[in-house]
N, C-alpha and C. Protein backbone atom coordinates (compact mmCIF):
# COMPACT_ATOMS: atom_id res chain seq x y z
N UNK A 1 -19.92 15.77 6.28
CA UNK A 1 -18.16 15.81 5.69
C UNK A 1 -17.63 16.46 5.09
N UNK A 2 -17.08 17.64 4.86
CA UNK A 2 -16.13 17.85 3.74
C UNK A 2 -15.34 17.44 3.78
N UNK A 3 -14.62 17.69 2.56
CA UNK A 3 -13.28 16.85 1.49
C UNK A 3 -11.92 16.36 2.25
N UNK A 4 -11.84 17.95 3.13
CA UNK A 4 -10.27 17.82 3.83
C UNK A 4 -10.77 16.92 4.96
N UNK A 5 -12.30 17.57 5.46
CA UNK A 5 -12.36 16.33 6.30
C UNK A 5 -12.20 14.58 6.32
N UNK A 6 -12.59 14.19 5.25
CA UNK A 6 -12.81 12.96 4.02
C UNK A 6 -11.16 12.56 3.97
N UNK A 7 -10.74 12.83 3.53
CA UNK A 7 -9.22 13.09 3.00
C UNK A 7 -8.63 12.37 5.09
N UNK A 8 -8.85 13.36 5.73
CA UNK A 8 -8.10 13.03 7.46
C UNK A 8 -9.04 11.73 7.17
N UNK A 9 -9.77 11.61 6.90
CA UNK A 9 -10.51 10.24 7.68
C UNK A 9 -10.17 8.90 6.93
N UNK A 10 -9.38 9.06 5.65
CA UNK A 10 -8.84 8.23 4.99
C UNK A 10 -7.90 7.87 5.88
N UNK A 11 -6.96 8.84 5.66
CA UNK A 11 -5.47 9.17 6.33
C UNK A 11 -5.20 8.15 7.69
N UNK A 12 -5.75 8.69 8.34
CA UNK A 12 -6.08 8.21 10.34
C UNK A 12 -6.32 6.33 9.43
N UNK A 13 -7.55 6.19 8.93
CA UNK A 13 -7.78 4.55 8.35
C UNK A 13 -6.63 4.04 7.91
N UNK A 14 -5.95 4.36 7.09
CA UNK A 14 -4.50 4.55 6.19
C UNK A 14 -3.89 3.82 7.40
N UNK A 15 -3.26 4.68 8.42
CA UNK A 15 -2.27 4.61 9.06
C UNK A 15 -2.37 3.72 9.93
N UNK A 16 -3.89 3.07 10.45
CA UNK A 16 -3.95 2.51 11.87
C UNK A 16 -3.71 1.47 11.28
N UNK A 17 -4.26 1.20 10.24
CA UNK A 17 -4.21 -0.02 9.43
C UNK A 17 -2.72 -0.25 9.21
N UNK A 18 -1.65 0.22 8.54
CA UNK A 18 -0.49 -0.24 8.62
C UNK A 18 0.55 -0.47 9.60
N UNK A 19 -0.31 -0.04 11.01
CA UNK A 19 0.08 -0.41 12.06
C UNK A 19 0.06 -1.71 13.07
N UNK A 20 -1.29 -2.52 12.35
CA UNK A 20 -2.40 -3.20 13.05
C UNK A 20 -2.27 -4.47 12.15
N UNK A 21 -1.74 -4.41 11.06
CA UNK A 21 -2.07 -5.47 10.21
C UNK A 21 -0.95 -6.40 10.29
N UNK A 22 -0.75 -8.26 10.34
CA UNK A 22 0.50 -8.31 10.39
C UNK A 22 1.33 -8.69 9.11
N UNK A 23 2.50 -8.48 9.63
CA UNK A 23 3.46 -8.71 8.91
C UNK A 23 3.12 -9.32 7.22
N UNK A 24 3.66 -9.46 6.29
CA UNK A 24 3.09 -10.11 4.99
C UNK A 24 1.96 -10.01 4.45
N UNK A 25 0.89 -9.22 5.02
CA UNK A 25 -0.53 -9.19 4.62
C UNK A 25 -0.56 -8.07 3.16
N UNK A 26 -0.97 -8.35 1.98
CA UNK A 26 -0.65 -7.72 1.11
C UNK A 26 -1.75 -6.74 1.12
N UNK A 27 -1.24 -5.43 0.48
CA UNK A 27 -1.40 -3.92 0.94
C UNK A 27 -1.27 -2.91 -0.07
N UNK A 28 -1.89 -1.74 -0.39
CA UNK A 28 -1.99 -1.42 -1.48
C UNK A 28 -1.70 0.22 -0.63
N UNK A 29 -0.63 0.97 -0.67
CA UNK A 29 -0.43 2.55 -0.11
C UNK A 29 -0.27 3.52 -1.07
N UNK A 30 -0.98 4.27 -0.82
CA UNK A 30 -0.46 5.71 -1.72
C UNK A 30 0.18 6.89 -0.89
N UNK A 31 1.11 7.04 -1.68
CA UNK A 31 1.72 8.16 -0.83
C UNK A 31 1.92 9.60 -1.87
N UNK A 32 2.18 10.84 -1.09
CA UNK A 32 2.11 11.91 -2.10
C UNK A 32 3.94 11.67 -2.32
N UNK A 33 4.19 12.27 -3.26
CA UNK A 33 5.63 11.62 -4.33
C UNK A 33 5.84 13.42 -4.76
N UNK A 34 6.67 14.50 -4.64
CA UNK A 34 6.09 14.99 -5.61
C UNK A 34 5.33 16.18 -5.69
N UNK A 35 4.88 16.06 -6.87
CA UNK A 35 4.06 16.69 -7.15
C UNK A 35 2.68 16.35 -7.48
N UNK A 36 2.64 14.59 -7.77
CA UNK A 36 1.37 13.73 -7.48
C UNK A 36 1.63 12.73 -6.20
N UNK A 37 0.65 11.53 -7.25
CA UNK A 37 0.90 10.69 -6.20
C UNK A 37 1.21 9.70 -6.82
N UNK A 38 1.72 8.02 -5.85
CA UNK A 38 1.97 6.84 -6.61
C UNK A 38 1.96 6.09 -5.03
N UNK A 39 1.65 4.59 -6.09
CA UNK A 39 1.11 3.73 -5.01
C UNK A 39 1.95 2.99 -5.07
N UNK A 40 2.26 1.74 -3.76
CA UNK A 40 3.14 0.73 -3.61
C UNK A 40 2.16 -0.64 -2.99
N UNK A 41 1.97 -1.28 -3.93
CA UNK A 41 1.13 -2.52 -4.38
C UNK A 41 2.06 -3.98 -3.96
N UNK A 42 1.81 -4.68 -2.79
CA UNK A 42 2.42 -6.24 -2.06
C UNK A 42 2.40 -6.67 -1.28
N UNK A 43 3.31 -7.22 -0.35
CA UNK A 43 2.93 -7.57 0.81
C UNK A 43 3.88 -6.78 1.81
N UNK A 44 3.61 -5.85 2.83
CA UNK A 44 3.65 -5.17 4.23
C UNK A 44 4.98 -6.06 5.05
N UNK A 45 6.28 -5.99 4.88
CA UNK A 45 7.44 -6.85 5.78
C UNK A 45 8.27 -5.95 6.56
N UNK A 46 7.96 -4.69 6.30
CA UNK A 46 8.30 -3.49 7.86
C UNK A 46 8.06 -3.22 8.35
N UNK A 47 8.24 -2.22 9.80
CA UNK A 47 7.71 -1.00 9.73
C UNK A 47 8.50 -0.78 10.97
N UNK A 48 8.45 1.18 11.00
CA UNK A 48 8.74 1.57 12.37
C UNK A 48 7.63 2.57 12.85
N UNK A 49 8.05 3.29 13.30
CA UNK A 49 7.46 4.32 13.92
C UNK A 49 6.92 4.89 12.76
N UNK A 50 7.85 5.55 12.00
CA UNK A 50 8.28 7.01 10.56
C UNK A 50 7.57 6.19 9.37
N UNK A 51 8.04 5.14 9.34
CA UNK A 51 8.00 4.15 8.03
C UNK A 51 6.96 3.01 7.88
N UNK A 52 6.98 2.28 6.82
CA UNK A 52 6.72 1.40 6.42
C UNK A 52 7.11 0.88 5.16
N UNK A 53 7.49 -0.70 4.79
CA UNK A 53 8.02 -1.39 4.40
C UNK A 53 7.09 -2.08 3.23
N UNK A 54 6.87 -2.15 2.11
CA UNK A 54 6.22 -2.97 0.68
C UNK A 54 6.73 -3.51 -0.21
N UNK A 55 7.16 -5.13 -0.12
CA UNK A 55 7.86 -5.88 -0.89
C UNK A 55 6.67 -5.81 -2.34
N UNK A 56 7.12 -5.34 -3.62
CA UNK A 56 6.34 -5.03 -4.86
C UNK A 56 6.72 -6.39 -5.32
N UNK A 57 6.78 -6.39 -6.59
CA UNK A 57 6.88 -7.48 -7.71
C UNK A 57 8.50 -6.94 -8.50
N UNK A 58 8.52 -5.54 -8.17
CA UNK A 58 9.84 -5.03 -8.57
C UNK A 58 10.96 -5.07 -7.08
N UNK A 59 10.83 -4.58 -6.17
CA UNK A 59 11.52 -4.09 -5.34
C UNK A 59 10.94 -3.92 -3.69
N UNK A 60 11.86 -3.27 -2.21
CA UNK A 60 11.22 -3.61 -1.38
C UNK A 60 10.97 -1.63 -1.57
N UNK A 61 9.37 -1.24 -1.14
CA UNK A 61 9.61 0.15 -1.39
C UNK A 61 9.32 0.82 0.01
N UNK A 62 10.25 1.55 0.46
CA UNK A 62 10.42 2.39 1.46
C UNK A 62 9.22 3.36 2.27
N UNK A 63 8.17 3.55 2.87
CA UNK A 63 7.28 4.70 2.43
C UNK A 63 7.40 5.39 3.84
N UNK A 64 7.69 6.62 3.74
CA UNK A 64 7.42 7.53 4.26
C UNK A 64 5.82 7.56 5.47
N UNK A 65 5.99 7.16 6.35
CA UNK A 65 3.99 7.83 6.98
C UNK A 65 3.72 8.94 6.64
N UNK A 66 4.45 10.06 7.12
CA UNK A 66 4.12 11.09 6.52
C UNK A 66 3.51 11.89 5.31
N UNK A 67 3.68 10.30 4.51
CA UNK A 67 3.29 10.66 3.21
C UNK A 67 2.50 9.99 2.57
N UNK A 68 1.59 8.88 3.39
CA UNK A 68 0.42 8.29 3.36
C UNK A 68 -0.61 9.12 3.54
N UNK A 69 -1.22 8.70 1.94
CA UNK A 69 -2.83 9.41 1.70
C UNK A 69 -4.04 8.81 2.23
N UNK A 70 -3.39 7.11 1.98
CA UNK A 70 -4.49 6.00 1.68
C UNK A 70 -3.80 5.11 1.93
N UNK A 71 -4.48 3.30 2.47
CA UNK A 71 -3.99 2.36 2.22
C UNK A 71 -5.06 1.31 2.82
N UNK A 72 -5.26 -0.04 1.54
CA UNK A 72 -6.26 -0.94 1.94
C UNK A 72 -5.35 -2.59 1.85
N UNK A 73 -6.40 -2.97 2.97
CA UNK A 73 -5.93 -4.46 2.45
C UNK A 73 -6.26 -5.29 1.22
N UNK A 74 -5.27 -6.28 0.57
CA UNK A 74 -5.87 -6.38 -0.83
C UNK A 74 -5.88 -7.30 -0.91
N UNK A 75 -6.87 -8.79 -1.47
CA UNK A 75 -6.46 -9.72 -1.84
C UNK A 75 -5.32 -10.45 -2.62
N UNK A 76 -4.72 -11.49 -3.02
CA UNK A 76 -3.63 -12.12 -3.36
C UNK A 76 -4.02 -11.84 -4.69
N UNK A 77 -2.70 -11.96 -5.54
CA UNK A 77 -2.65 -11.71 -6.69
C UNK A 77 -3.39 -13.07 -7.48
N UNK A 78 -4.00 -12.97 -9.09
CA UNK A 78 -4.36 -13.76 -9.38
C UNK A 78 -3.46 -15.11 -9.55
N UNK A 79 -3.98 -16.36 -9.55
CA UNK A 79 -3.10 -17.26 -10.45
C UNK A 79 -2.37 -16.68 -11.47
N UNK A 80 -0.93 -17.22 -12.01
CA UNK A 80 -0.60 -17.35 -13.75
C UNK A 80 -1.63 -17.82 -14.29
N UNK A 81 -2.15 -17.31 -15.85
CA UNK A 81 -2.94 -18.24 -16.53
C UNK A 81 -1.91 -18.83 -17.58
N UNK A 82 -2.46 -20.34 -17.81
CA UNK A 82 -1.64 -21.34 -18.32
C UNK A 82 -1.24 -20.20 -20.00
N UNK A 83 -0.31 -20.67 -20.03
CA UNK A 83 -0.32 -20.10 -21.88
C UNK A 83 -0.46 -20.87 -22.59
N UNK A 84 -1.22 -20.24 -24.29
CA UNK A 84 -1.62 -20.39 -24.60
C UNK A 84 -0.52 -21.36 -25.94
N UNK A 85 -0.78 -22.85 -26.22
CA UNK A 85 -0.38 -23.96 -27.58
C UNK A 85 -0.21 -22.82 -28.59
N UNK A 86 0.95 -22.75 -29.07
CA UNK A 86 0.53 -22.75 -30.53
C UNK A 86 -0.13 -23.60 -31.30
N UNK A 87 -0.64 -23.70 -32.46
CA UNK A 87 -1.60 -24.52 -33.08
C UNK A 87 -1.11 -24.51 -34.66
């Protein structure tokens, strides 16, 4: 499998995942953005035929499925660490 075939397989797998996982599932989605790529990490909260929406810590990110290059399900974030008390 050459590099282009590998990238195409990753993309197909990502699009399938985004279409079938239940809403509320925590995912990371890598998408092309201008000259590079960016990731959206959070809960999958919506999808249409052409987009999916990921609720990140900062806001909701609408992802054009044509721009998706990879996606996977990820575990929940770690619990916050207790603050250290000043001594």
